Amino acid sequence: MEIKVLEKDDKNMRLLIRGVDTPFVNALRRNVLAEVPCMAIDEVVIIENSSVLHDEIIAHRLGLIPLKTDLDGYNLPEECPCQSEFGCNLCRVTLTLDQEAEEGTITVYSGELISENPNIVPLSDKIPIIKLTKGQKLKLEAYARLGKGKKHAKWQPASTSAYKYLPQVKIDAARCDACGKCVEICPRKVLEKTEGKIEVRDLLACTLCQDCTDVCPKEPPAIDIGWEKNAFIFSLESTGALPPERIMIEAVKILDKELEEFAKQFEVEKLEKS
């Protein structure tokens, strides 16, 4: 398998992966969304709420606030040695909120949540939670835990996890008269007309839509769109809870573990049948 990093920043990463098949890449995509854990508020104790919103609505809003995650410092609740439904300092982080509108209407933001761990805080301080008018108060304790996206979307560390085949664009220079229709119709500006001929400007932007072949006046078309077998462009966008490279590393580790478990089960069944 060959992996090349095409783009990477704090939240986005795009890889070129060669030497694997579709089931492997799809398993990786599913693990990114469903198996890699991250922190999210899972339980809320409302101490005082005189706002217009019900307790359940406030709890739901808090659960959807993305939190920075420390995978090395905390355990999944089901794997924690405490085995307690209340959790412990190895599997739970407490955040508190105590706000009151004393004079006029105020907006309570995510930045006003106070965490016992300065490393587990909302990714943004400007996520609105609720508006309070004069005399209204909201006081609560929220408990954040590690979880997986297969249980609830609030535990998905990535907002985008997708792949596509690596495109191949072939232009028959002998038959192409450079009319430019394929250049004009392409929504992603993959092609360009330079010095009286059609050339590929941005191969990776191609979505394999085939519009350029459909519009070509030649019969058969002078341009052919295909894809390279066992080569994929993998795109990953993190919510910010974890760096994109950490999400990918964890997804690969989980996939390796799943394959090992599958191989063991296969061997057990094989022995039982024999």
C-alpha atoms as a PDB file:
ATOM      1  CA  MET A   1       0.000   0.000   0.000  1.00  0.00           C
ATOM      2  CA  GLU A   2       1.233   3.471  -0.907  1.00  0.00           C
ATOM      3  CA  ILE A   3      -0.030   6.607   0.851  1.00  0.00           C
ATOM      4  CA  LYS A   4       0.691  10.184  -0.185  1.00  0.00           C
ATOM      5  CA  VAL A   5      -0.529  13.288   1.656  1.00  0.00           C
ATOM      6  CA  LEU A   6      -2.000  15.681  -0.906  1.00  0.00           C
ATOM      7  CA  GLU A   7      -3.274  18.348   1.493  1.00  0.00           C
ATOM      8  CA  LYS A   8      -3.271  18.820   5.263  1.00  0.00           C
ATOM      9  CA  ASP A   9      -4.065  21.553   7.757  1.00  0.00           C
ATOM     10  CA  ASP A  10      -5.480  21.706  11.285  1.00  0.00           C
ATOM     11  CA  LYS A  11      -8.842  20.183  10.328  1.00  0.00           C
ATOM     12  CA  ASN A  12      -8.581  18.822   6.777  1.00  0.00           C
ATOM     13  CA  MET A  13      -6.544  16.111   5.169  1.00  0.00           C
ATOM     14  CA  ARG A  14      -6.595  14.580   1.704  1.00  0.00           C
ATOM     15  CA  LEU A  15      -4.677  11.395   0.906  1.00  0.00           C
ATOM     16  CA  LEU A  16      -3.836   9.487  -2.247  1.00  0.00           C
ATOM     17  CA  ILE A  17      -4.003   5.771  -1.392  1.00  0.00           C
ATOM     18  CA  ARG A  18      -2.761   3.162  -3.860  1.00  0.00           C
ATOM     19  CA  GLY A  19      -2.591  -0.625  -3.669  1.00  0.00           C
ATOM     20  CA  VAL A  20      -5.870  -1.273  -1.800  1.00  0.00           C
ATOM     21  CA  ASP A  21      -9.355  -2.272  -2.894  1.00  0.00           C
ATOM     22  CA  THR A  22     -12.745  -0.645  -2.358  1.00  0.00           C
ATOM     23  CA  PRO A  23     -13.809  -2.730   0.698  1.00  0.00           C
ATOM     24  CA  PHE A  24     -10.640  -1.700   2.557  1.00  0.00           C
ATOM     25  CA  VAL A  25     -11.077   2.019   1.887  1.00  0.00           C
ATOM     26  CA  ASN A  26     -14.777   1.849   2.734  1.00  0.00           C
ATOM     27  CA  ALA A  27     -14.011   0.059   6.020  1.00  0.00           C
ATOM     28  CA  LEU A  28     -11.564   2.856   6.826  1.00  0.00           C
ATOM     29  CA  ARG A  29     -14.208   5.475   6.027  1.00  0.00           C
ATOM     30  CA  ARG A  30     -16.781   3.760   8.254  1.00  0.00           C
ATOM     31  CA  ASN A  31     -14.313   3.434  11.140  1.00  0.00           C
ATOM     32  CA  VAL A  32     -13.541   7.160  11.000  1.00  0.00           C
ATOM     33  CA  LEU A  33     -17.233   7.974  11.452  1.00  0.00           C
ATOM     34  CA  ALA A  34     -18.406   5.124  13.676  1.00  0.00           C
ATOM     35  CA  GLU A  35     -15.509   3.705  15.688  1.00  0.00           C
ATOM     36  CA  VAL A  36     -12.964   6.432  16.511  1.00  0.00           C
ATOM     37  CA  PRO A  37     -14.024   7.844  19.913  1.00  0.00           C
ATOM     38  CA  CYS A  38     -14.153  11.477  20.980  1.00  0.00           C
ATOM     39  CA  MET A  39     -15.523  13.495  23.903  1.00  0.00           C
ATOM     40  CA  ALA A  40     -19.087  14.774  24.137  1.00  0.00           C
ATOM     41  CA  ILE A  41     -21.454  15.748  26.937  1.00  0.00           C
ATOM     42  CA  ASP A  42     -23.498  12.661  27.733  1.00  0.00           C
ATOM     43  CA  GLU A  43     -25.340  13.512  30.940  1.00  0.00           C
ATOM     44  CA  VAL A  44     -26.617  16.800  32.368  1.00  0.00           C
ATOM     45  CA  VAL A  45     -27.884  17.531  35.871  1.00  0.00           C
ATOM     46  CA  ILE A  46     -30.057  20.664  35.876  1.00  0.00           C
ATOM     47  CA  ILE A  47     -29.807  22.360  39.280  1.00  0.00           C
ATOM     48  CA  GLU A  48     -31.868  25.434  38.422  1.00  0.00           C
ATOM     49  CA  ASN A  49     -33.604  26.402  35.183  1.00  0.00           C
ATOM     50  CA  SER A  50     -36.041  29.315  35.035  1.00  0.00           C
ATOM     51  CA  SER A  51     -35.598  29.864  31.285  1.00  0.00           C
ATOM     52  CA  VAL A  52     -38.255  29.235  28.627  1.00  0.00           C
ATOM     53  CA  LEU A  53     -36.533  26.048  27.402  1.00  0.00           C
ATOM     54  CA  HIS A  54     -37.173  22.611  28.879  1.00  0.00           C
ATOM     55  CA  ASP A  55     -34.309  20.780  30.581  1.00  0.00           C
ATOM     56  CA  GLU A  56     -34.209  18.158  27.807  1.00  0.00           C
ATOM     57  CA  ILE A  57     -33.706  20.759  25.074  1.00  0.00           C
ATOM     58  CA  ILE A  58     -30.821  22.368  26.950  1.00  0.00           C
ATOM     59  CA  ALA A  59     -29.222  18.948  27.514  1.00  0.00           C
ATOM     60  CA  HIS A  60     -29.564  18.155  23.805  1.00  0.00           C
ATOM     61  CA  ARG A  61     -27.881  21.434  22.835  1.00  0.00           C
ATOM     62  CA  LEU A  62     -25.021  20.813  25.249  1.00  0.00           C
ATOM     63  CA  GLY A  63     -24.492  17.323  23.844  1.00  0.00           C
ATOM     64  CA  LEU A  64     -23.958  18.722  20.343  1.00  0.00           C
ATOM     65  CA  ILE A  65     -21.199  21.150  21.399  1.00  0.00           C
ATOM     66  CA  PRO A  66     -17.928  19.663  20.056  1.00  0.00           C
ATOM     67  CA  LEU A  67     -15.239  19.243  22.704  1.00  0.00           C
ATOM     68  CA  LYS A  68     -11.481  18.938  22.458  1.00  0.00           C
ATOM     69  CA  THR A  69     -10.517  15.340  23.120  1.00  0.00           C
ATOM     70  CA  ASP A  70      -7.662  13.645  24.966  1.00  0.00           C
ATOM     71  CA  LEU A  71      -7.691   9.999  23.907  1.00  0.00           C
ATOM     72  CA  ASP A  72      -4.589   9.153  25.916  1.00  0.00           C
ATOM     73  CA  GLY A  73      -5.871  10.525  29.219  1.00  0.00           C
ATOM     74  CA  TYR A  74      -9.330   8.939  29.352  1.00  0.00           C
ATOM     75  CA  ASN A  75     -10.931   5.513  28.945  1.00  0.00           C
ATOM     76  CA  LEU A  76     -14.120   4.538  27.227  1.00  0.00           C
ATOM     77  CA  PRO A  77     -16.742   4.035  29.983  1.00  0.00           C
ATOM     78  CA  GLU A  78     -17.156   0.355  29.119  1.00  0.00           C
ATOM     79  CA  GLU A  79     -13.379  -0.179  29.315  1.00  0.00           C
ATOM     80  CA  CYS A  80     -12.716   1.852  32.483  1.00  0.00           C
ATOM     81  CA  PRO A  81     -11.572  -0.131  35.573  1.00  0.00           C
ATOM     82  CA  CYS A  82     -14.118   1.726  37.733  1.00  0.00           C
ATOM     83  CA  GLN A  83     -17.039   0.007  35.957  1.00  0.00           C
ATOM     84  CA  SER A  84     -19.339   2.587  37.540  1.00  0.00           C
ATOM     85  CA  GLU A  85     -22.426   4.075  35.929  1.00  0.00           C
ATOM     86  CA  PHE A  86     -21.391   7.426  37.435  1.00  0.00           C
ATOM     87  CA  GLY A  87     -17.834   7.252  36.096  1.00  0.00           C
ATOM     88  CA  CYS A  88     -14.561   8.425  37.594  1.00  0.00           C
ATOM     89  CA  ASN A  89     -11.756  10.858  36.798  1.00  0.00           C
ATOM     90  CA  LEU A  90     -10.398   8.369  34.243  1.00  0.00           C
ATOM     91  CA  CYS A  91     -13.554   8.238  32.135  1.00  0.00           C
ATOM     92  CA  ARG A  92     -15.551  11.392  32.925  1.00  0.00           C
ATOM     93  CA  VAL A  93     -15.033  15.169  32.818  1.00  0.00           C
ATOM     94  CA  THR A  94     -17.312  17.557  34.700  1.00  0.00           C
ATOM     95  CA  LEU A  95     -18.299  20.917  33.214  1.00  0.00           C
ATOM     96  CA  THR A  96     -20.358  23.474  35.125  1.00  0.00           C
ATOM     97  CA  LEU A  97     -22.496  26.425  34.071  1.00  0.00           C
ATOM     98  CA  ASP A  98     -23.958  29.096  36.349  1.00  0.00           C
ATOM     99  CA  GLN A  99     -25.437  32.146  34.613  1.00  0.00           C
ATOM    100  CA  GLU A 100     -28.130  34.628  35.575  1.00  0.00           C
ATOM    101  CA  ALA A 101     -29.591  37.617  33.713  1.00  0.00           C
ATOM    102  CA  GLU A 102     -29.522  40.302  36.385  1.00  0.00           C
ATOM    103  CA  GLU A 103     -30.348  43.404  34.342  1.00  0.00           C
ATOM    104  CA  GLY A 104     -31.316  42.612  30.732  1.00  0.00           C
ATOM    105  CA  THR A 105     -31.417  39.836  28.166  1.00  0.00           C
ATOM    106  CA  ILE A 106     -28.178  37.883  27.817  1.00  0.00           C
ATOM    107  CA  THR A 107     -26.989  35.041  25.583  1.00  0.00           C
ATOM    108  CA  VAL A 108     -25.218  32.158  27.284  1.00  0.00           C
ATOM    109  CA  TYR A 109     -22.370  30.810  25.139  1.00  0.00           C
ATOM    110  CA  SER A 110     -20.322  27.616  25.189  1.00  0.00           C
ATOM    111  CA  GLY A 111     -17.321  29.583  26.432  1.00  0.00           C
ATOM    112  CA  GLU A 112     -19.063  30.002  29.775  1.00  0.00           C
ATOM    113  CA  LEU A 113     -18.888  26.270  30.472  1.00  0.00           C
ATOM    114  CA  ILE A 114     -16.195  25.729  33.110  1.00  0.00           C
ATOM    115  CA  SER A 115     -14.341  22.423  32.756  1.00  0.00           C
ATOM    116  CA  GLU A 116     -12.414  20.668  35.510  1.00  0.00           C
ATOM    117  CA  ASN A 117      -9.855  19.756  32.844  1.00  0.00           C
ATOM    118  CA  PRO A 118      -8.516  22.715  30.827  1.00  0.00           C
ATOM    119  CA  ASN A 119      -7.752  20.321  27.948  1.00  0.00           C
ATOM    120  CA  ILE A 120     -11.387  19.218  27.592  1.00  0.00           C
ATOM    121  CA  VAL A 121     -13.231  22.388  26.588  1.00  0.00           C
ATOM    122  CA  PRO A 122     -15.594  23.463  23.782  1.00  0.00           C
ATOM    123  CA  LEU A 123     -13.878  23.943  20.433  1.00  0.00           C
ATOM    124  CA  SER A 124     -15.534  27.331  20.091  1.00  0.00           C
ATOM    125  CA  ASP A 125     -16.456  29.864  22.758  1.00  0.00           C
ATOM    126  CA  LYS A 126     -19.186  31.383  20.574  1.00  0.00           C
ATOM    127  CA  ILE A 127     -21.738  28.545  20.320  1.00  0.00           C
ATOM    128  CA  PRO A 128     -25.032  29.926  21.727  1.00  0.00           C
ATOM    129  CA  ILE A 129     -26.744  27.701  24.280  1.00  0.00           C
ATOM    130  CA  ILE A 130     -29.699  29.802  25.469  1.00  0.00           C
ATOM    131  CA  LYS A 131     -31.020  33.331  25.944  1.00  0.00           C
ATOM    132  CA  LEU A 132     -31.989  34.483  29.419  1.00  0.00           C
ATOM    133  CA  THR A 133     -34.166  37.488  30.163  1.00  0.00           C
ATOM    134  CA  LYS A 134     -34.037  39.571  33.347  1.00  0.00           C
ATOM    135  CA  GLY A 135     -34.419  37.387  36.434  1.00  0.00           C
ATOM    136  CA  GLN A 136     -33.933  34.057  34.648  1.00  0.00           C
ATOM    137  CA  LYS A 137     -31.163  31.692  35.718  1.00  0.00           C
ATOM    138  CA  LEU A 138     -29.507  28.517  34.459  1.00  0.00           C
ATOM    139  CA  LYS A 139     -27.310  26.414  36.710  1.00  0.00           C
ATOM    140  CA  LEU A 140     -26.173  22.896  35.794  1.00  0.00           C
ATOM    141  CA  GLU A 141     -23.484  20.238  35.833  1.00  0.00           C
ATOM    142  CA  ALA A 142     -22.607  18.409  32.615  1.00  0.00           C
ATOM    143  CA  TYR A 143     -20.595  15.200  32.348  1.00  0.00           C
ATOM    144  CA  ALA A 144     -18.561  14.494  29.217  1.00  0.00           C
ATOM    145  CA  ARG A 145     -17.441  10.998  28.256  1.00  0.00           C
ATOM    146  CA  LEU A 146     -15.741   9.265  25.377  1.00  0.00           C
ATOM    147  CA  GLY A 147     -18.108   7.606  22.945  1.00  0.00           C
ATOM    148  CA  LYS A 148     -18.384   6.331  19.384  1.00  0.00           C
ATOM    149  CA  GLY A 149     -20.301   7.669  16.419  1.00  0.00           C
ATOM    150  CA  LYS A 150     -22.133   4.360  15.930  1.00  0.00           C
ATOM    151  CA  LYS A 151     -24.011   5.128  19.161  1.00  0.00           C
ATOM    152  CA  HIS A 152     -24.702   8.831  18.523  1.00  0.00           C
ATOM    153  CA  ALA A 153     -23.557  11.387  15.946  1.00  0.00           C
ATOM    154  CA  LYS A 154     -22.307  13.734  18.690  1.00  0.00           C
ATOM    155  CA  TRP A 155     -19.386  11.310  19.125  1.00  0.00           C
ATOM    156  CA  GLN A 156     -18.268  11.545  15.496  1.00  0.00           C
ATOM    157  CA  PRO A 157     -14.791  13.148  15.373  1.00  0.00           C
ATOM    158  CA  ALA A 158     -15.114  13.894  11.657  1.00  0.00           C
ATOM    159  CA  SER A 159     -17.725  15.923   9.829  1.00  0.00           C
ATOM    160  CA  THR A 160     -16.621  14.492   6.467  1.00  0.00           C
ATOM    161  CA  SER A 161     -15.116  11.121   5.613  1.00  0.00           C
ATOM    162  CA  ALA A 162     -15.288  10.211   1.936  1.00  0.00           C
ATOM    163  CA  TYR A 163     -13.312   8.706  -0.908  1.00  0.00           C
ATOM    164  CA  LYS A 164     -13.405   8.580  -4.684  1.00  0.00           C
ATOM    165  CA  TYR A 165     -11.495   6.774  -7.397  1.00  0.00           C
ATOM    166  CA  LEU A 166      -8.373   8.437  -8.769  1.00  0.00           C
ATOM    167  CA  PRO A 167      -9.527   9.845 -12.128  1.00  0.00           C
ATOM    168  CA  GLN A 168      -7.845   9.178 -15.468  1.00  0.00           C
ATOM    169  CA  VAL A 169      -8.406  11.607 -18.334  1.00  0.00           C
ATOM    170  CA  LYS A 170      -7.231  10.595 -21.805  1.00  0.00           C
ATOM    171  CA  ILE A 171      -7.427  13.013 -24.739  1.00  0.00           C
ATOM    172  CA  ASP A 172      -6.940  11.747 -28.280  1.00  0.00           C
ATOM    173  CA  ALA A 173      -4.818  14.581 -29.660  1.00  0.00           C
ATOM    174  CA  ALA A 174      -5.091  13.254 -33.224  1.00  0.00           C
ATOM    175  CA  ARG A 175      -8.899  13.449 -33.240  1.00  0.00           C
ATOM    176  CA  CYS A 176      -9.514  16.399 -30.901  1.00  0.00           C
ATOM    177  CA  ASP A 177     -10.074  19.676 -32.774  1.00  0.00           C
ATOM    178  CA  ALA A 178      -9.902  21.745 -29.535  1.00  0.00           C
ATOM    179  CA  CYS A 179     -13.440  23.123 -29.944  1.00  0.00           C
ATOM    180  CA  GLY A 180     -13.468  23.868 -26.218  1.00  0.00           C
ATOM    181  CA  LYS A 181     -16.945  22.510 -25.432  1.00  0.00           C
ATOM    182  CA  CYS A 182     -15.544  20.082 -22.855  1.00  0.00           C
ATOM    183  CA  VAL A 183     -13.725  22.945 -21.137  1.00  0.00           C
ATOM    184  CA  GLU A 184     -16.858  25.097 -20.961  1.00  0.00           C
ATOM    185  CA  ILE A 185     -19.153  22.397 -19.554  1.00  0.00           C
ATOM    186  CA  CYS A 186     -16.809  21.065 -16.861  1.00  0.00           C
ATOM    187  CA  PRO A 187     -18.150  22.338 -13.488  1.00  0.00           C
ATOM    188  CA  ARG A 188     -14.845  21.707 -11.694  1.00  0.00           C
ATOM    189  CA  LYS A 189     -12.584  23.318 -14.342  1.00  0.00           C
ATOM    190  CA  VAL A 190     -10.558  20.147 -14.784  1.00  0.00           C
ATOM    191  CA  LEU A 191      -9.642  20.977 -18.385  1.00  0.00           C
ATOM    192  CA  GLU A 192      -8.189  24.031 -20.065  1.00  0.00           C
ATOM    193  CA  LYS A 193      -7.521  25.155 -23.632  1.00  0.00           C
ATOM    194  CA  THR A 194      -3.962  26.300 -24.241  1.00  0.00           C
ATOM    195  CA  GLU A 195      -2.152  26.912 -27.527  1.00  0.00           C
ATOM    196  CA  GLY A 196      -4.900  25.320 -29.584  1.00  0.00           C
ATOM    197  CA  LYS A 197      -5.155  22.072 -27.631  1.00  0.00           C
ATOM    198  CA  ILE A 198      -7.050  20.666 -24.643  1.00  0.00           C
ATOM    199  CA  GLU A 199      -5.028  19.795 -21.552  1.00  0.00           C
ATOM    200  CA  VAL A 200      -5.753  18.588 -18.041  1.00  0.00           C
ATOM    201  CA  ARG A 201      -5.482  21.470 -15.550  1.00  0.00           C
ATOM    202  CA  ASP A 202      -6.533  19.787 -12.268  1.00  0.00           C
ATOM    203  CA  LEU A 203      -6.905  16.006 -12.442  1.00  0.00           C
ATOM    204  CA  LEU A 204      -7.815  15.526  -8.762  1.00  0.00           C
ATOM    205  CA  ALA A 205     -10.824  17.857  -9.101  1.00  0.00           C
ATOM    206  CA  CYS A 206     -12.516  15.490 -11.581  1.00  0.00           C
ATOM    207  CA  THR A 207     -15.713  13.875 -10.248  1.00  0.00           C
ATOM    208  CA  LEU A 208     -16.090  11.384 -13.145  1.00  0.00           C
ATOM    209  CA  CYS A 209     -19.382  13.010 -14.160  1.00  0.00           C
ATOM    210  CA  GLN A 210     -18.732  12.290 -17.885  1.00  0.00           C
ATOM    211  CA  ASP A 211     -20.215  15.645 -19.000  1.00  0.00           C
ATOM    212  CA  CYS A 212     -17.141  16.335 -21.134  1.00  0.00           C
ATOM    213  CA  THR A 213     -17.516  13.069 -23.053  1.00  0.00           C
ATOM    214  CA  ASP A 214     -21.251  13.656 -23.562  1.00  0.00           C
ATOM    215  CA  VAL A 215     -20.717  17.124 -25.063  1.00  0.00           C
ATOM    216  CA  CYS A 216     -17.830  16.138 -27.347  1.00  0.00           C
ATOM    217  CA  PRO A 217     -19.024  16.389 -30.993  1.00  0.00           C
ATOM    218  CA  LYS A 218     -16.718  13.592 -32.121  1.00  0.00           C
ATOM    219  CA  GLU A 219     -18.055  10.067 -32.457  1.00  0.00           C
ATOM    220  CA  PRO A 220     -16.698   8.285 -30.516  1.00  0.00           C
ATOM    221  CA  PRO A 221     -15.650  11.140 -28.177  1.00  0.00           C
ATOM    222  CA  ALA A 222     -12.072  12.337 -28.417  1.00  0.00           C
ATOM    223  CA  ILE A 223     -11.892  12.446 -24.608  1.00  0.00           C
ATOM    224  CA  ASP A 224     -12.168   9.412 -22.351  1.00  0.00           C
ATOM    225  CA  ILE A 225     -12.831   9.559 -18.603  1.00  0.00           C
ATOM    226  CA  GLY A 226     -11.969   6.592 -16.405  1.00  0.00           C
ATOM    227  CA  TRP A 227     -10.280   5.765 -13.137  1.00  0.00           C
ATOM    228  CA  GLU A 228      -7.208   3.977 -11.892  1.00  0.00           C
ATOM    229  CA  LYS A 229      -7.925   0.581 -10.362  1.00  0.00           C
ATOM    230  CA  ASN A 230      -7.072   0.271  -6.659  1.00  0.00           C
ATOM    231  CA  ALA A 231      -6.211   3.963  -6.293  1.00  0.00           C
ATOM    232  CA  PHE A 232      -8.342   6.359  -4.245  1.00  0.00           C
ATOM    233  CA  ILE A 233      -8.473   9.942  -3.014  1.00  0.00           C
ATOM    234  CA  PHE A 234      -9.515   9.914   0.645  1.00  0.00           C
ATOM    235  CA  SER A 235     -10.859  13.158   2.142  1.00  0.00           C
ATOM    236  CA  LEU A 236     -11.188  13.720   5.874  1.00  0.00           C
ATOM    237  CA  GLU A 237     -12.491  16.805   7.701  1.00  0.00           C
ATOM    238  CA  SER A 238     -12.205  16.823  11.485  1.00  0.00           C
ATOM    239  CA  THR A 239     -14.692  18.598  13.740  1.00  0.00           C
ATOM    240  CA  GLY A 240     -11.640  19.813  15.657  1.00  0.00           C
ATOM    241  CA  ALA A 241     -12.019  17.314  18.485  1.00  0.00           C
ATOM    242  CA  LEU A 242      -8.950  15.461  17.205  1.00  0.00           C
ATOM    243  CA  PRO A 243      -6.318  16.293  14.573  1.00  0.00           C
ATOM    244  CA  PRO A 244      -7.140  14.636  11.237  1.00  0.00           C
ATOM    245  CA  GLU A 245      -3.940  12.556  11.268  1.00  0.00           C
ATOM    246  CA  ARG A 246      -4.802  11.187  14.736  1.00  0.00           C
ATOM    247  CA  ILE A 247      -8.282  10.234  13.539  1.00  0.00           C
ATOM    248  CA  MET A 248      -6.788   8.322  10.596  1.00  0.00           C
ATOM    249  CA  ILE A 249      -4.208   6.559  12.778  1.00  0.00           C
ATOM    250  CA  GLU A 250      -6.885   5.469  15.258  1.00  0.00           C
ATOM    251  CA  ALA A 251      -9.138   4.260  12.416  1.00  0.00           C
ATOM    252  CA  VAL A 252      -6.322   2.080  11.053  1.00  0.00           C
ATOM    253  CA  LYS A 253      -5.577   0.662  14.523  1.00  0.00           C
ATOM    254  CA  ILE A 254      -9.244  -0.226  15.008  1.00  0.00           C
ATOM    255  CA  LEU A 255      -9.397  -1.842  11.572  1.00  0.00           C
ATOM    256  CA  ASP A 256      -6.325  -3.962  12.367  1.00  0.00           C
ATOM    257  CA  LYS A 257      -7.915  -5.070  15.624  1.00  0.00           C
ATOM    258  CA  GLU A 258     -11.180  -5.952  13.890  1.00  0.00           C
ATOM    259  CA  LEU A 259      -9.349  -7.999  11.258  1.00  0.00           C
ATOM    260  CA  GLU A 260      -7.422  -9.873  13.960  1.00  0.00           C
ATOM    261  CA  GLU A 261     -10.660 -10.715  15.766  1.00  0.00           C
ATOM    262  CA  PHE A 262     -12.238 -11.863  12.508  1.00  0.00           C
ATOM    263  CA  ALA A 263      -9.257 -14.120  11.758  1.00  0.00           C
ATOM    264  CA  LYS A 264      -9.457 -15.670  15.237  1.00  0.00           C
ATOM    265  CA  GLN A 265     -13.190 -16.350  14.894  1.00  0.00           C
ATOM    266  CA  PHE A 266     -12.603 -17.886  11.471  1.00  0.00           C
ATOM    267  CA  GLU A 267      -9.951 -20.224  12.884  1.00  0.00           C
ATOM    268  CA  VAL A 268     -12.229 -21.239  15.776  1.00  0.00           C
ATOM    269  CA  GLU A 269     -15.103 -22.060  13.427  1.00  0.00           C
ATOM    270  CA  LYS A 270     -12.739 -23.970  11.159  1.00  0.00           C
ATOM    271  CA  LEU A 271     -11.530 -26.097  14.079  1.00  0.00           C
ATOM    272  CA  GLU A 272     -15.080 -26.741  15.270  1.00  0.00           C
ATOM    273  CA  LYS A 273     -16.130 -27.977  11.837  1.00  0.00           C
ATOM    274  CA  SER A 274     -13.095 -30.260  11.562  1.00  0.00           C
END
